[in-house]
Each structure stands twice: as structure tokens, then as C-alpha cells.
């Protein structure tokens, strides 16, 4: 199983980026998926998650209203659309999942959440 996050880059504050998480070895239609990030010198932070069906999503308060998570089962890919980016959004962003992972609320993106499958991460840098 591989999860590959991509789409990161350098953007000015107020700008937008769209991250992708492409899966191989598992069918995302049958898996919920979470997005997490780790900023330099800080602990990992949960950002968002999306249910298997794609109908249920959850966001951390820090990104609510600015980020949108979606799923394209035909492409076996989950997206994280990030708008109105702030310098404090600078971090390495990771997508993660496992067999019995559910997107049901705050616990789903708890910073200490242990999940079996993690991608290598993609760097997002927001300049002021």
C-alpha cells in the first residue's frame, strides 16, 4: 500500500494550493482518509478527514472555512483544496489511512492518531 501526497509548494499569504493524495494498493472508495501536518518545531496536527463515501468530512478549527477535502474514487485520489493560506499553514502535509479508520469527528484527526498507512508528505510553504 502506498499513499503519495503531492501538490505542495511555495505560495504567498492569501493564495491557494490543492494537494492530492493518490493511493495504490488500496481502493479509497473503501477507506476513510485523513490529512495531517507537521510544522517545523511543532507536533503533528490533524487537519481534515473524509469518509469512505466522501459524504462526511471534518476539519480542524484552524482550517475550517478555508480548506475543503474531497474524494474522486474513479481516480483513487483524495484532494485537499487550501484557500486563504496563512504563514501558519506552513508545514509538511501527510495523508494517512487504515482499514478501520472512520471520519467521525475530532478524534479522527487527533494529533496522536496512529494509522497504518502514511504517505511521505508534501511541503507547503506560505510566505507573508
N, C-alpha and C. Protein backbone atom coordinates (compact mmCIF):
# COMPACT_ATOMS: atom_id res chain seq x y z
N UNK A 1 0.84 -1.19 0.00
CA UNK A 1 0.00 0.00 0.00
C UNK A 1 0.88 1.24 0.00
N UNK A 2 0.52 2.18 -0.86
CA UNK A 2 1.24 3.45 -0.89
C UNK A 2 0.25 4.60 -0.98
N UNK A 3 0.54 5.63 -0.21
CA UNK A 3 -0.18 6.88 -0.30
C UNK A 3 0.83 7.95 -0.69
N UNK A 4 0.57 8.65 -1.75
CA UNK A 4 1.52 9.65 -2.24
C UNK A 4 0.86 11.01 -2.26
N UNK A 5 1.30 11.88 -1.36
CA UNK A 5 0.80 13.25 -1.35
C UNK A 5 1.64 14.10 -2.29
N UNK A 6 1.00 15.00 -2.99
CA UNK A 6 1.69 15.90 -3.91
C UNK A 6 0.91 17.21 -3.99
N UNK A 7 1.52 18.19 -4.66
CA UNK A 7 0.85 19.46 -4.87
C UNK A 7 1.32 20.58 -3.98
N UNK A 8 2.25 20.28 -3.09
CA UNK A 8 2.77 21.33 -2.23
C UNK A 8 3.62 22.31 -3.01
N UNK A 9 4.00 23.38 -2.34
CA UNK A 9 4.84 24.38 -2.97
C UNK A 9 4.92 25.63 -2.14
N UNK A 10 5.44 26.67 -2.77
CA UNK A 10 5.59 27.98 -2.13
C UNK A 10 4.52 28.92 -2.66
N UNK A 11 3.79 29.54 -1.75
CA UNK A 11 2.70 30.43 -2.15
C UNK A 11 2.68 31.62 -1.19
N UNK A 12 2.21 32.74 -1.68
CA UNK A 12 2.09 33.92 -0.82
C UNK A 12 0.84 33.81 0.05
N UNK A 13 0.88 34.49 1.17
CA UNK A 13 -0.30 34.52 2.04
C UNK A 13 -1.51 34.99 1.25
N UNK A 14 -2.62 34.32 1.49
CA UNK A 14 -3.84 34.61 0.76
C UNK A 14 -4.03 33.76 -0.47
N UNK A 15 -2.99 33.04 -0.85
CA UNK A 15 -3.04 32.21 -2.03
C UNK A 15 -3.68 30.85 -1.79
N UNK A 16 -3.63 30.03 -2.82
CA UNK A 16 -4.28 28.71 -2.77
C UNK A 16 -3.36 27.62 -3.30
N UNK A 17 -3.58 26.44 -2.80
CA UNK A 17 -2.93 25.24 -3.30
C UNK A 17 -3.92 24.08 -3.23
N UNK A 18 -3.74 23.11 -4.09
CA UNK A 18 -4.53 21.90 -4.00
C UNK A 18 -3.59 20.71 -3.84
N UNK A 19 -3.71 20.03 -2.74
CA UNK A 19 -2.94 18.83 -2.51
C UNK A 19 -3.71 17.62 -3.00
N UNK A 20 -2.96 16.64 -3.47
CA UNK A 20 -3.55 15.37 -3.89
C UNK A 20 -2.93 14.24 -3.08
N UNK A 21 -3.72 13.23 -2.82
CA UNK A 21 -3.23 12.02 -2.18
C UNK A 21 -3.68 10.86 -3.05
N UNK A 22 -2.74 10.31 -3.79
CA UNK A 22 -3.04 9.20 -4.68
C UNK A 22 -2.71 7.88 -3.97
N UNK A 23 -3.61 6.94 -4.08
CA UNK A 23 -3.42 5.66 -3.39
C UNK A 23 -3.14 4.54 -4.39
N UNK A 24 -2.29 3.64 -3.99
CA UNK A 24 -2.07 2.41 -4.74
C UNK A 24 -2.04 1.26 -3.74
N UNK A 25 -2.58 0.16 -4.15
CA UNK A 25 -2.63 -0.98 -3.24
C UNK A 25 -3.86 -0.99 -2.34
N UNK A 26 -4.66 0.04 -2.41
CA UNK A 26 -5.93 0.06 -1.70
C UNK A 26 -6.91 0.93 -2.48
N UNK A 27 -8.17 0.63 -2.31
CA UNK A 27 -9.22 1.35 -3.03
C UNK A 27 -9.86 2.35 -2.10
N UNK A 28 -9.64 3.63 -2.36
CA UNK A 28 -10.10 4.67 -1.44
C UNK A 28 -11.61 4.71 -1.27
N UNK A 29 -12.32 4.09 -2.18
CA UNK A 29 -13.77 4.00 -2.03
C UNK A 29 -14.13 3.24 -0.76
N UNK A 30 -13.22 2.40 -0.29
CA UNK A 30 -13.46 1.57 0.88
C UNK A 30 -12.74 2.07 2.12
N UNK A 31 -12.10 3.22 2.00
CA UNK A 31 -11.30 3.74 3.11
C UNK A 31 -11.60 5.21 3.37
N UNK A 32 -11.69 5.55 4.63
CA UNK A 32 -11.64 6.96 5.00
C UNK A 32 -10.18 7.40 4.96
N UNK A 33 -9.95 8.70 4.86
CA UNK A 33 -8.59 9.20 4.78
C UNK A 33 -8.45 10.50 5.55
N UNK A 34 -7.33 10.64 6.21
CA UNK A 34 -7.07 11.85 6.99
C UNK A 34 -5.90 12.62 6.44
N UNK A 35 -5.93 13.93 6.66
CA UNK A 35 -4.80 14.81 6.35
C UNK A 35 -4.25 15.33 7.68
N UNK A 36 -2.95 15.29 7.78
CA UNK A 36 -2.25 15.77 8.95
C UNK A 36 -1.10 16.66 8.50
N UNK A 37 -0.58 17.47 9.39
CA UNK A 37 0.56 18.31 9.03
C UNK A 37 1.48 18.45 10.23
N UNK A 38 2.74 18.72 9.90
CA UNK A 38 3.73 18.97 10.94
C UNK A 38 4.54 20.18 10.55
N UNK A 39 4.45 21.21 11.36
CA UNK A 39 5.23 22.43 11.13
C UNK A 39 6.58 22.30 11.83
N UNK A 40 7.57 23.02 11.37
CA UNK A 40 8.90 22.94 11.99
C UNK A 40 8.85 23.22 13.49
N UNK A 41 9.40 22.31 14.27
CA UNK A 41 9.46 22.51 15.71
C UNK A 41 8.16 22.29 16.44
N UNK A 42 7.15 21.81 15.73
CA UNK A 42 5.85 21.60 16.37
C UNK A 42 5.42 20.14 16.25
N UNK A 43 4.46 19.77 17.06
CA UNK A 43 3.91 18.43 16.97
C UNK A 43 2.99 18.32 15.76
N UNK A 44 2.76 17.08 15.38
CA UNK A 44 1.85 16.83 14.27
C UNK A 44 0.44 17.33 14.64
N UNK A 45 -0.26 17.83 13.66
CA UNK A 45 -1.60 18.38 13.86
C UNK A 45 -2.55 17.75 12.85
N UNK A 46 -3.71 17.36 13.30
CA UNK A 46 -4.73 16.87 12.40
C UNK A 46 -5.38 18.03 11.67
N UNK A 47 -5.63 17.85 10.38
CA UNK A 47 -6.18 18.92 9.55
C UNK A 47 -7.61 18.62 9.13
N UNK A 48 -7.81 17.44 8.55
CA UNK A 48 -9.12 17.13 7.99
C UNK A 48 -9.22 15.64 7.76
N UNK A 49 -10.45 15.17 7.54
CA UNK A 49 -10.64 13.78 7.13
C UNK A 49 -11.89 13.69 6.26
N UNK A 50 -11.98 12.58 5.54
CA UNK A 50 -13.13 12.35 4.68
C UNK A 50 -13.51 10.88 4.78
N UNK A 51 -14.80 10.62 4.80
CA UNK A 51 -15.29 9.26 4.99
C UNK A 51 -15.13 8.44 3.72
N UNK A 52 -15.41 7.16 3.85
CA UNK A 52 -15.30 6.27 2.70
C UNK A 52 -16.20 6.74 1.56
N UNK A 53 -17.40 7.11 1.87
CA UNK A 53 -18.33 7.53 0.83
C UNK A 53 -18.00 8.92 0.30
N UNK A 54 -17.27 9.69 1.10
CA UNK A 54 -16.98 11.07 0.73
C UNK A 54 -18.04 12.04 1.21
N UNK A 55 -19.10 11.53 1.82
CA UNK A 55 -20.20 12.40 2.24
C UNK A 55 -19.94 13.06 3.58
N UNK A 56 -19.06 12.48 4.39
CA UNK A 56 -18.77 13.05 5.69
C UNK A 56 -17.34 13.58 5.71
N UNK A 57 -17.21 14.80 6.17
CA UNK A 57 -15.90 15.42 6.30
C UNK A 57 -15.79 16.08 7.66
N UNK A 58 -14.57 16.34 8.05
CA UNK A 58 -14.34 17.01 9.32
C UNK A 58 -13.07 17.86 9.18
N UNK A 59 -13.09 19.01 9.85
CA UNK A 59 -11.96 19.93 9.75
C UNK A 59 -11.53 20.42 11.12
N UNK A 60 -10.24 20.64 11.26
CA UNK A 60 -9.73 21.31 12.45
C UNK A 60 -10.22 22.75 12.43
N UNK A 61 -10.41 23.32 13.60
CA UNK A 61 -10.87 24.70 13.68
C UNK A 61 -9.93 25.66 12.96
N UNK A 62 -8.66 25.34 12.97
CA UNK A 62 -7.67 26.24 12.37
C UNK A 62 -7.80 26.37 10.86
N UNK A 63 -8.48 25.41 10.22
CA UNK A 63 -8.59 25.44 8.76
C UNK A 63 -10.04 25.49 8.28
N UNK A 64 -10.96 25.40 9.21
CA UNK A 64 -12.38 25.37 8.85
C UNK A 64 -12.76 26.62 8.07
N UNK A 65 -13.47 26.44 6.97
CA UNK A 65 -13.87 27.57 6.14
C UNK A 65 -12.85 27.94 5.08
N UNK A 66 -11.64 27.42 5.20
CA UNK A 66 -10.59 27.74 4.23
C UNK A 66 -10.17 26.49 3.42
N UNK A 67 -10.23 25.34 4.05
CA UNK A 67 -9.81 24.10 3.39
C UNK A 67 -11.03 23.26 3.07
N UNK A 68 -10.94 22.53 1.97
CA UNK A 68 -12.01 21.62 1.57
C UNK A 68 -11.41 20.30 1.13
N UNK A 69 -11.89 19.22 1.72
CA UNK A 69 -11.41 17.89 1.35
C UNK A 69 -12.46 17.22 0.46
N UNK A 70 -11.98 16.51 -0.55
CA UNK A 70 -12.90 15.83 -1.46
C UNK A 70 -12.24 14.54 -1.94
N UNK A 71 -13.04 13.72 -2.56
CA UNK A 71 -12.56 12.41 -2.99
C UNK A 71 -13.06 12.12 -4.40
N UNK A 72 -12.16 11.60 -5.23
CA UNK A 72 -12.51 11.14 -6.57
C UNK A 72 -12.20 9.65 -6.61
N UNK A 73 -13.21 8.85 -6.38
CA UNK A 73 -12.99 7.41 -6.32
C UNK A 73 -12.54 6.83 -7.66
N UNK A 74 -12.98 7.43 -8.73
CA UNK A 74 -12.57 6.95 -10.06
C UNK A 74 -11.07 7.09 -10.26
N UNK A 75 -10.49 8.12 -9.64
CA UNK A 75 -9.04 8.36 -9.76
C UNK A 75 -8.31 7.82 -8.54
N UNK A 76 -9.06 7.26 -7.59
CA UNK A 76 -8.46 6.74 -6.37
C UNK A 76 -7.59 7.79 -5.68
N UNK A 77 -8.13 8.99 -5.62
CA UNK A 77 -7.37 10.13 -5.13
C UNK A 77 -8.26 10.99 -4.21
N UNK A 78 -7.64 11.50 -3.16
CA UNK A 78 -8.29 12.47 -2.28
C UNK A 78 -7.58 13.80 -2.43
N UNK A 79 -8.35 14.88 -2.41
CA UNK A 79 -7.80 16.22 -2.58
C UNK A 79 -8.01 17.06 -1.33
N UNK A 80 -7.10 17.99 -1.12
CA UNK A 80 -7.27 18.99 -0.07
C UNK A 80 -7.07 20.35 -0.72
N UNK A 81 -8.17 21.04 -0.94
CA UNK A 81 -8.14 22.38 -1.51
C UNK A 81 -7.91 23.36 -0.38
N UNK A 82 -6.83 24.14 -0.49
CA UNK A 82 -6.46 25.06 0.57
C UNK A 82 -6.50 26.49 0.04
N UNK A 83 -7.38 27.29 0.59
CA UNK A 83 -7.55 28.68 0.18
C UNK A 83 -7.21 29.62 1.34
N UNK A 84 -7.02 30.87 1.00
CA UNK A 84 -6.72 31.89 2.02
C UNK A 84 -5.59 31.42 2.93
N UNK A 85 -4.55 30.93 2.32
CA UNK A 85 -3.46 30.36 3.11
C UNK A 85 -2.76 31.42 3.95
N UNK A 86 -2.32 30.97 5.12
CA UNK A 86 -1.65 31.85 6.07
C UNK A 86 -0.24 31.30 6.33
N UNK A 87 0.68 32.14 6.76
CA UNK A 87 2.02 31.65 7.09
C UNK A 87 2.00 30.50 8.10
N UNK A 88 1.04 30.51 9.00
CA UNK A 88 0.96 29.43 9.99
C UNK A 88 0.49 28.10 9.40
N UNK A 89 0.11 28.10 8.13
CA UNK A 89 -0.22 26.84 7.45
C UNK A 89 1.03 26.14 6.93
N UNK A 90 2.17 26.80 7.02
CA UNK A 90 3.42 26.21 6.55
C UNK A 90 3.72 24.94 7.33
N UNK A 91 3.89 23.84 6.60
CA UNK A 91 4.12 22.54 7.22
C UNK A 91 4.33 21.50 6.13
N UNK A 92 4.75 20.32 6.56
CA UNK A 92 4.70 19.16 5.68
C UNK A 92 3.34 18.50 5.89
N UNK A 93 2.64 18.28 4.80
CA UNK A 93 1.29 17.72 4.86
C UNK A 93 1.34 16.24 4.47
N UNK A 94 0.65 15.43 5.27
CA UNK A 94 0.63 13.98 5.08
C UNK A 94 -0.81 13.50 4.94
N UNK A 95 -0.99 12.48 4.11
CA UNK A 95 -2.26 11.78 4.08
C UNK A 95 -2.06 10.41 4.71
N UNK A 96 -3.11 9.91 5.35
CA UNK A 96 -2.98 8.66 6.09
C UNK A 96 -4.31 7.93 6.13
N UNK A 97 -4.22 6.60 6.29
CA UNK A 97 -5.44 5.79 6.34
C UNK A 97 -5.12 4.42 6.92
N UNK A 98 -6.15 3.68 7.16
CA UNK A 98 -6.01 2.28 7.51
C UNK A 98 -7.38 1.63 7.38
N UNK A 99 -7.42 0.32 7.57
CA UNK A 99 -8.63 -0.46 7.29
C UNK A 99 -9.84 0.03 8.07
N UNK A 100 -9.72 0.19 9.37
CA UNK A 100 -10.87 0.53 10.20
C UNK A 100 -10.80 1.97 10.70
N UNK A 101 -10.47 2.85 9.78
CA UNK A 101 -10.41 4.27 10.10
C UNK A 101 -11.72 4.92 9.65
N UNK A 102 -12.29 5.71 10.54
CA UNK A 102 -13.55 6.37 10.23
C UNK A 102 -13.40 7.87 10.44
N UNK A 103 -13.99 8.63 9.57
CA UNK A 103 -14.02 10.08 9.73
C UNK A 103 -15.30 10.43 10.45
N UNK A 104 -15.21 10.60 11.77
CA UNK A 104 -16.43 10.78 12.55
C UNK A 104 -16.38 11.98 13.47
N UNK A 105 -15.24 12.69 13.48
CA UNK A 105 -15.17 13.85 14.36
C UNK A 105 -13.74 14.14 14.77
N UNK A 106 -13.63 14.89 15.85
CA UNK A 106 -12.33 15.38 16.29
C UNK A 106 -11.34 14.25 16.54
N UNK A 107 -11.82 13.14 17.08
CA UNK A 107 -10.92 12.03 17.38
C UNK A 107 -10.28 11.47 16.11
N UNK A 108 -10.95 11.62 15.00
CA UNK A 108 -10.43 11.09 13.73
C UNK A 108 -9.17 11.81 13.29
N UNK A 109 -9.01 13.04 13.72
CA UNK A 109 -7.81 13.80 13.34
C UNK A 109 -7.03 14.22 14.58
N UNK A 110 -7.16 13.41 15.61
CA UNK A 110 -6.36 13.66 16.80
C UNK A 110 -4.88 13.60 16.44
N UNK A 111 -4.11 14.51 16.97
CA UNK A 111 -2.70 14.61 16.59
C UNK A 111 -1.92 13.34 16.92
N UNK A 112 -2.40 12.56 17.87
CA UNK A 112 -1.69 11.35 18.27
C UNK A 112 -2.27 10.11 17.63
N UNK A 113 -3.14 10.33 16.65
CA UNK A 113 -3.80 9.22 15.99
C UNK A 113 -2.77 8.33 15.31
N UNK A 114 -2.86 7.04 15.57
CA UNK A 114 -1.96 6.10 14.89
C UNK A 114 -2.72 5.45 13.76
N UNK A 115 -2.16 5.58 12.56
CA UNK A 115 -2.76 4.95 11.39
C UNK A 115 -1.70 4.12 10.70
N UNK A 116 -2.14 3.08 10.01
CA UNK A 116 -1.18 2.13 9.44
C UNK A 116 -0.47 2.67 8.21
N UNK A 117 -1.20 3.39 7.37
CA UNK A 117 -0.62 3.81 6.10
C UNK A 117 -0.42 5.33 6.09
N UNK A 118 0.82 5.73 5.82
CA UNK A 118 1.16 7.15 5.73
C UNK A 118 1.92 7.40 4.44
N UNK A 119 1.63 8.52 3.80
CA UNK A 119 2.42 8.94 2.67
C UNK A 119 3.64 9.69 3.14
N UNK A 120 4.59 9.97 2.26
CA UNK A 120 5.84 10.65 2.63
C UNK A 120 5.70 12.13 2.89
N UNK A 121 4.56 12.73 2.52
CA UNK A 121 4.36 14.14 2.82
C UNK A 121 4.76 15.06 1.68
N UNK A 122 4.16 16.23 1.67
CA UNK A 122 4.49 17.26 0.70
C UNK A 122 4.59 18.59 1.43
N UNK A 123 5.61 19.36 1.07
CA UNK A 123 5.90 20.61 1.78
C UNK A 123 5.03 21.75 1.26
N UNK A 124 4.40 22.44 2.18
CA UNK A 124 3.65 23.66 1.87
C UNK A 124 4.31 24.80 2.62
N UNK A 125 4.70 25.83 1.88
CA UNK A 125 5.32 27.00 2.48
C UNK A 125 4.54 28.24 2.08
N UNK A 126 4.06 28.97 3.07
CA UNK A 126 3.28 30.18 2.83
C UNK A 126 4.09 31.38 3.31
N UNK A 127 4.43 32.25 2.39
CA UNK A 127 5.22 33.43 2.75
C UNK A 127 4.31 34.61 3.08
N UNK A 128 4.80 35.45 3.96
CA UNK A 128 3.99 36.60 4.39
C UNK A 128 4.23 37.81 3.52
